[in-house]
Structures are given as C-alpha cells and as structure tokens.
Amino acid sequence: MLKRLYAGDDGIARFEDWKLEFGPEVPGDLSAAAPLRASAAMVVRTTGPGGHPEQPEAGRRLVVMLSGHCDVITSTETVSAKPGDVLLVEDTTGFGHSSHTSTGFEALMVVLD
C-alpha cells in the first residue's frame, strides 16, 4: 500500500493513493522515483495498545511499517497499516489525524524537508 495523507482546503485530513512515477523504463534495469529530500530517519515503536488523539503532524514524514499494525484515522476514513506499507504524511495543518494500535508496531520514520 502506498498512501498519501494530506489536509484538504477545509482542514479535513484525507487519504489518497500515492502513485510514484519511475524512470527510466528499461526492461531489466533498475528504475527510480524522484528523490524526496530528508533530514533524518529514525525507527519508532510502541508496544501497544495505544495511540494519539487527532492532531496535525509536526512536519512532513515518510513512514514505512516494519512490523505490527496501526490504524491511522481521519474524520472520514481509516487506513490500516501493516508491514511493508508506506504512508506519506503531509497533514501539517487543519484537524489532523489520530492513530491506534492494539498490537504495537515498529516503523521507519523519515523526516522530510
């Protein structure tokens, strides 16, 4: 799963599919998407159960789920993140999102510029 979480013009957080464009498209060769500028990366974890209340993210983040499970919740939708899922978090304004895990999780969190 590749998803983008963003704040709409009305301040409501929403999810959309995140479609990456890869190039060059040469059969058998490695293709790459455009780079994202980052300033730090860290592994975060919680043993669960737990979560956080609805709030905007402090800055843009790229989150790669490594283990466990986490529900990311907006006022209109819930996305269940599991190992291998990638979420581009950009809801830095508006009402934000909440999260909940009953099992705990580990994730790679990349701080984007």
N, C-alpha and C. Protein backbone atom coordinates (compact mmCIF):
# COMPACT_ATOMS: atom_id res chain seq x y z
N MET A 1 0.85 -1.18 0.00
CA MET A 1 0.00 0.00 0.00
C MET A 1 0.89 1.24 0.00
N LEU A 2 0.62 2.14 -0.89
CA LEU A 2 1.24 3.46 -0.92
C LEU A 2 0.12 4.47 -0.79
N LYS A 3 0.11 5.23 0.30
CA LYS A 3 -0.94 6.22 0.54
C LYS A 3 -0.32 7.56 0.89
N ARG A 4 -1.03 8.63 0.56
CA ARG A 4 -0.67 9.99 0.96
C ARG A 4 -1.77 10.48 1.89
N LEU A 5 -1.38 11.07 3.01
CA LEU A 5 -2.30 11.67 3.98
C LEU A 5 -2.06 13.17 3.93
N TYR A 6 -3.09 13.95 3.63
CA TYR A 6 -2.95 15.39 3.46
C TYR A 6 -4.16 16.11 4.04
N ALA A 7 -4.03 17.41 4.25
CA ALA A 7 -5.15 18.24 4.72
C ALA A 7 -5.78 18.92 3.51
N GLY A 8 -7.10 18.77 3.36
CA GLY A 8 -7.82 19.44 2.28
C GLY A 8 -7.97 20.92 2.59
N ASP A 9 -8.49 21.67 1.65
CA ASP A 9 -8.70 23.11 1.83
C ASP A 9 -9.61 23.41 3.02
N ASP A 10 -10.46 22.45 3.38
CA ASP A 10 -11.37 22.62 4.52
C ASP A 10 -10.74 22.21 5.85
N GLY A 11 -9.45 21.80 5.83
CA GLY A 11 -8.76 21.40 7.05
C GLY A 11 -8.96 19.96 7.45
N ILE A 12 -9.78 19.22 6.69
CA ILE A 12 -10.05 17.82 6.98
C ILE A 12 -8.95 16.96 6.37
N ALA A 13 -8.38 16.06 7.17
CA ALA A 13 -7.35 15.14 6.67
C ALA A 13 -8.00 14.08 5.79
N ARG A 14 -7.30 13.75 4.70
CA ARG A 14 -7.81 12.77 3.74
C ARG A 14 -6.66 11.88 3.26
N PHE A 15 -7.02 10.69 2.81
CA PHE A 15 -6.08 9.77 2.19
C PHE A 15 -6.30 9.75 0.69
N GLU A 16 -5.21 9.52 -0.05
CA GLU A 16 -5.32 9.24 -1.47
C GLU A 16 -4.23 8.25 -1.83
N ASP A 17 -4.44 7.50 -2.91
CA ASP A 17 -3.39 6.62 -3.39
C ASP A 17 -2.21 7.47 -3.82
N TRP A 18 -1.02 7.03 -3.50
CA TRP A 18 0.20 7.75 -3.86
C TRP A 18 0.82 6.98 -5.02
N LYS A 19 0.79 7.59 -6.18
CA LYS A 19 1.32 6.94 -7.37
C LYS A 19 2.70 7.51 -7.68
N LEU A 20 3.68 6.64 -7.67
CA LEU A 20 5.05 7.05 -7.97
C LEU A 20 5.32 6.85 -9.46
N GLU A 21 6.06 7.77 -10.04
CA GLU A 21 6.49 7.63 -11.43
C GLU A 21 7.96 7.24 -11.43
N PHE A 22 8.26 6.15 -12.15
CA PHE A 22 9.61 5.62 -12.18
C PHE A 22 10.25 5.86 -13.54
N GLY A 23 11.54 6.06 -13.54
CA GLY A 23 12.26 6.23 -14.80
C GLY A 23 13.72 5.90 -14.59
N PRO A 24 14.47 5.62 -15.58
CA PRO A 24 13.97 5.30 -16.92
C PRO A 24 13.37 3.90 -16.94
N GLU A 25 12.45 3.68 -17.87
CA GLU A 25 11.80 2.38 -18.00
C GLU A 25 12.56 1.55 -19.04
N VAL A 26 13.59 0.87 -18.58
CA VAL A 26 14.37 -0.01 -19.44
C VAL A 26 14.23 -1.42 -18.88
N PRO A 27 13.68 -2.34 -19.65
CA PRO A 27 13.49 -3.70 -19.14
C PRO A 27 14.77 -4.28 -18.54
N GLY A 28 14.66 -4.81 -17.34
CA GLY A 28 15.80 -5.42 -16.67
C GLY A 28 16.67 -4.45 -15.89
N ASP A 29 16.52 -3.14 -16.10
CA ASP A 29 17.31 -2.15 -15.38
C ASP A 29 16.55 -1.62 -14.18
N LEU A 30 17.27 -1.12 -13.22
CA LEU A 30 16.67 -0.51 -12.03
C LEU A 30 16.08 0.85 -12.39
N SER A 31 14.83 1.06 -12.05
CA SER A 31 14.16 2.36 -12.23
C SER A 31 14.03 3.01 -10.87
N ALA A 32 13.96 4.33 -10.84
CA ALA A 32 13.85 5.04 -9.57
C ALA A 32 12.81 6.14 -9.67
N ALA A 33 12.13 6.38 -8.56
CA ALA A 33 11.22 7.51 -8.45
C ALA A 33 12.04 8.75 -8.08
N ALA A 34 11.44 9.92 -8.24
CA ALA A 34 12.11 11.17 -7.88
C ALA A 34 12.49 11.13 -6.39
N PRO A 35 13.68 11.63 -6.04
CA PRO A 35 14.09 11.60 -4.64
C PRO A 35 13.28 12.57 -3.78
N LEU A 36 13.11 12.21 -2.52
CA LEU A 36 12.50 13.08 -1.52
C LEU A 36 13.62 13.58 -0.61
N ARG A 37 13.71 14.88 -0.41
CA ARG A 37 14.75 15.42 0.48
C ARG A 37 14.38 15.11 1.93
N ALA A 38 15.38 14.61 2.67
CA ALA A 38 15.15 14.22 4.06
C ALA A 38 16.28 14.73 4.93
N SER A 39 15.96 14.98 6.20
CA SER A 39 16.98 15.47 7.13
C SER A 39 17.30 14.46 8.23
N ALA A 40 16.46 13.46 8.42
CA ALA A 40 16.71 12.48 9.48
C ALA A 40 15.85 11.25 9.24
N ALA A 41 16.26 10.16 9.83
CA ALA A 41 15.46 8.93 9.80
C ALA A 41 15.62 8.26 11.16
N MET A 42 14.52 7.68 11.63
CA MET A 42 14.57 7.00 12.93
C MET A 42 13.59 5.84 12.91
N VAL A 43 13.89 4.84 13.71
CA VAL A 43 12.95 3.75 13.90
C VAL A 43 12.14 4.09 15.15
N VAL A 44 10.82 4.05 15.04
CA VAL A 44 9.93 4.33 16.17
C VAL A 44 9.17 3.06 16.49
N ARG A 45 8.75 2.93 17.74
CA ARG A 45 7.97 1.76 18.11
C ARG A 45 7.09 2.04 19.31
N THR A 46 6.06 1.24 19.42
CA THR A 46 5.22 1.22 20.60
C THR A 46 4.84 -0.23 20.84
N THR A 47 4.72 -0.58 22.10
CA THR A 47 4.36 -1.95 22.42
C THR A 47 2.85 -2.14 22.42
N GLY A 48 2.08 -1.04 22.39
CA GLY A 48 0.63 -1.12 22.34
C GLY A 48 0.05 -1.74 23.61
N PRO A 49 -1.21 -1.66 23.81
CA PRO A 49 -2.11 -0.86 22.99
C PRO A 49 -1.93 0.63 23.27
N GLY A 50 -2.28 1.45 22.30
CA GLY A 50 -2.16 2.89 22.49
C GLY A 50 -2.38 3.63 21.19
N GLY A 51 -2.15 4.92 21.24
CA GLY A 51 -2.33 5.77 20.08
C GLY A 51 -2.23 7.22 20.47
N HIS A 52 -2.64 8.09 19.57
CA HIS A 52 -2.65 9.52 19.87
C HIS A 52 -3.95 10.14 19.38
N PRO A 53 -4.37 11.25 20.02
CA PRO A 53 -5.61 11.91 19.60
C PRO A 53 -5.41 12.64 18.27
N GLU A 54 -6.53 13.11 17.71
CA GLU A 54 -6.49 13.83 16.44
C GLU A 54 -5.63 15.08 16.57
N GLN A 55 -4.64 15.18 15.68
CA GLN A 55 -3.74 16.33 15.67
C GLN A 55 -3.00 16.35 14.33
N PRO A 56 -2.62 17.55 13.86
CA PRO A 56 -1.82 17.60 12.64
C PRO A 56 -0.40 17.10 12.93
N GLU A 57 0.26 16.62 11.90
CA GLU A 57 1.65 16.15 12.04
C GLU A 57 2.56 17.37 12.16
N ALA A 58 3.64 17.25 12.92
CA ALA A 58 4.56 18.37 13.16
C ALA A 58 5.32 18.77 11.90
N GLY A 59 5.47 17.86 10.96
CA GLY A 59 6.16 18.13 9.71
C GLY A 59 5.93 16.96 8.77
N ARG A 60 6.38 17.11 7.53
CA ARG A 60 6.19 16.03 6.55
C ARG A 60 7.01 14.81 6.96
N ARG A 61 6.41 13.62 6.84
CA ARG A 61 7.07 12.38 7.22
C ARG A 61 6.77 11.30 6.17
N LEU A 62 7.72 10.42 5.99
CA LEU A 62 7.52 9.21 5.22
C LEU A 62 7.63 8.07 6.22
N VAL A 63 6.57 7.28 6.33
CA VAL A 63 6.52 6.21 7.33
C VAL A 63 6.46 4.87 6.61
N VAL A 64 7.40 3.99 6.94
CA VAL A 64 7.45 2.64 6.37
C VAL A 64 7.21 1.67 7.52
N MET A 65 6.11 0.95 7.47
CA MET A 65 5.79 -0.01 8.53
C MET A 65 6.73 -1.21 8.44
N LEU A 66 7.35 -1.53 9.57
CA LEU A 66 8.29 -2.66 9.63
C LEU A 66 7.65 -3.90 10.25
N SER A 67 6.89 -3.71 11.32
CA SER A 67 6.23 -4.83 11.98
C SER A 67 4.98 -4.32 12.71
N GLY A 68 4.09 -5.24 13.03
CA GLY A 68 2.89 -4.89 13.78
C GLY A 68 1.81 -4.29 12.90
N HIS A 69 0.95 -3.50 13.53
CA HIS A 69 -0.23 -2.97 12.86
C HIS A 69 -0.61 -1.64 13.50
N CYS A 70 -1.06 -0.67 12.70
CA CYS A 70 -1.50 0.61 13.21
C CYS A 70 -2.63 1.14 12.34
N ASP A 71 -3.72 1.57 12.97
CA ASP A 71 -4.81 2.23 12.26
C ASP A 71 -4.55 3.73 12.29
N VAL A 72 -4.56 4.36 11.12
CA VAL A 72 -4.42 5.81 11.00
C VAL A 72 -5.81 6.32 10.62
N ILE A 73 -6.32 7.26 11.42
CA ILE A 73 -7.74 7.61 11.36
C ILE A 73 -7.92 9.10 11.07
N THR A 74 -8.71 9.40 10.03
CA THR A 74 -9.15 10.77 9.79
C THR A 74 -10.62 10.85 10.17
N SER A 75 -11.22 12.01 10.02
CA SER A 75 -12.64 12.12 10.37
C SER A 75 -13.53 11.39 9.36
N THR A 76 -12.97 10.97 8.22
CA THR A 76 -13.79 10.31 7.20
C THR A 76 -13.33 8.91 6.82
N GLU A 77 -12.15 8.48 7.26
CA GLU A 77 -11.60 7.22 6.76
C GLU A 77 -10.57 6.66 7.73
N THR A 78 -10.41 5.34 7.71
CA THR A 78 -9.36 4.67 8.47
C THR A 78 -8.52 3.83 7.52
N VAL A 79 -7.22 3.96 7.62
CA VAL A 79 -6.30 3.13 6.85
C VAL A 79 -5.55 2.25 7.84
N SER A 80 -5.53 0.95 7.58
CA SER A 80 -4.81 0.01 8.43
C SER A 80 -3.45 -0.26 7.82
N ALA A 81 -2.40 0.15 8.53
CA ALA A 81 -1.03 -0.01 8.04
C ALA A 81 -0.43 -1.28 8.62
N LYS A 82 0.22 -2.05 7.75
CA LYS A 82 0.86 -3.30 8.14
C LYS A 82 2.27 -3.33 7.54
N PRO A 83 3.09 -4.31 7.91
CA PRO A 83 4.47 -4.34 7.41
C PRO A 83 4.53 -4.23 5.88
N GLY A 84 5.43 -3.37 5.43
CA GLY A 84 5.61 -3.12 4.00
C GLY A 84 4.83 -1.95 3.47
N ASP A 85 3.85 -1.47 4.22
CA ASP A 85 3.06 -0.32 3.78
C ASP A 85 3.86 0.97 3.94
N VAL A 86 3.61 1.93 3.05
CA VAL A 86 4.30 3.22 3.06
C VAL A 86 3.24 4.32 3.08
N LEU A 87 3.43 5.27 3.99
CA LEU A 87 2.49 6.39 4.13
C LEU A 87 3.27 7.70 4.08
N LEU A 88 2.92 8.56 3.12
CA LEU A 88 3.47 9.90 3.03
C LEU A 88 2.54 10.80 3.84
N VAL A 89 3.01 11.28 4.97
CA VAL A 89 2.18 12.06 5.90
C VAL A 89 2.45 13.55 5.68
N GLU A 90 1.43 14.28 5.21
CA GLU A 90 1.57 15.70 4.91
C GLU A 90 0.44 16.54 5.49
N ASP A 91 -0.30 16.01 6.45
CA ASP A 91 -1.40 16.79 7.05
C ASP A 91 -0.85 17.64 8.20
N THR A 92 -0.07 18.66 7.84
CA THR A 92 0.61 19.51 8.83
C THR A 92 -0.24 20.69 9.27
N THR A 93 -1.42 20.84 8.69
CA THR A 93 -2.36 21.90 9.08
C THR A 93 -3.74 21.26 9.26
N GLY A 94 -4.69 22.03 9.72
CA GLY A 94 -6.05 21.53 9.85
C GLY A 94 -6.24 20.67 11.09
N PHE A 95 -7.21 19.76 11.02
CA PHE A 95 -7.59 18.95 12.16
C PHE A 95 -6.63 17.78 12.41
N GLY A 96 -5.96 17.32 11.37
CA GLY A 96 -5.00 16.23 11.53
C GLY A 96 -5.65 14.87 11.56
N HIS A 97 -4.93 13.91 12.14
CA HIS A 97 -5.36 12.52 12.18
C HIS A 97 -5.07 11.96 13.57
N SER A 98 -5.66 10.83 13.86
CA SER A 98 -5.32 10.11 15.09
C SER A 98 -4.81 8.74 14.68
N SER A 99 -4.31 7.99 15.65
CA SER A 99 -3.85 6.64 15.36
C SER A 99 -4.16 5.73 16.55
N HIS A 100 -4.21 4.42 16.26
CA HIS A 100 -4.43 3.45 17.32
C HIS A 100 -3.79 2.12 16.92
N THR A 101 -3.17 1.48 17.90
CA THR A 101 -2.65 0.13 17.70
C THR A 101 -3.03 -0.73 18.88
N SER A 102 -3.47 -1.92 18.60
CA SER A 102 -3.75 -2.86 19.69
C SER A 102 -2.59 -3.82 19.88
N THR A 103 -1.75 -3.96 18.85
CA THR A 103 -0.65 -4.93 18.88
C THR A 103 0.72 -4.30 19.09
N GLY A 104 0.83 -2.99 18.86
CA GLY A 104 2.14 -2.35 18.80
C GLY A 104 2.68 -2.42 17.38
N PHE A 105 3.74 -1.68 17.13
CA PHE A 105 4.36 -1.69 15.80
C PHE A 105 5.75 -1.09 15.87
N GLU A 106 6.53 -1.34 14.84
CA GLU A 106 7.79 -0.65 14.58
C GLU A 106 7.69 -0.07 13.18
N ALA A 107 8.21 1.14 13.01
CA ALA A 107 8.17 1.80 11.71
C ALA A 107 9.42 2.63 11.51
N LEU A 108 9.85 2.73 10.29
CA LEU A 108 10.91 3.66 9.91
C LEU A 108 10.23 4.98 9.59
N MET A 109 10.61 6.04 10.32
CA MET A 109 10.03 7.36 10.10
C MET A 109 11.13 8.25 9.55
N VAL A 110 10.90 8.77 8.35
CA VAL A 110 11.86 9.64 7.67
C VAL A 110 11.32 11.07 7.75
N VAL A 111 12.11 11.97 8.29
CA VAL A 111 11.73 13.38 8.39
C VAL A 111 12.08 14.05 7.07
N LEU A 112 11.04 14.52 6.37
CA LEU A 112 11.24 15.15 5.07
C LEU A 112 11.41 16.65 5.21
N ASP A 113 12.20 17.21 4.31
CA ASP A 113 12.42 18.67 4.29
C ASP A 113 11.25 19.36 3.63
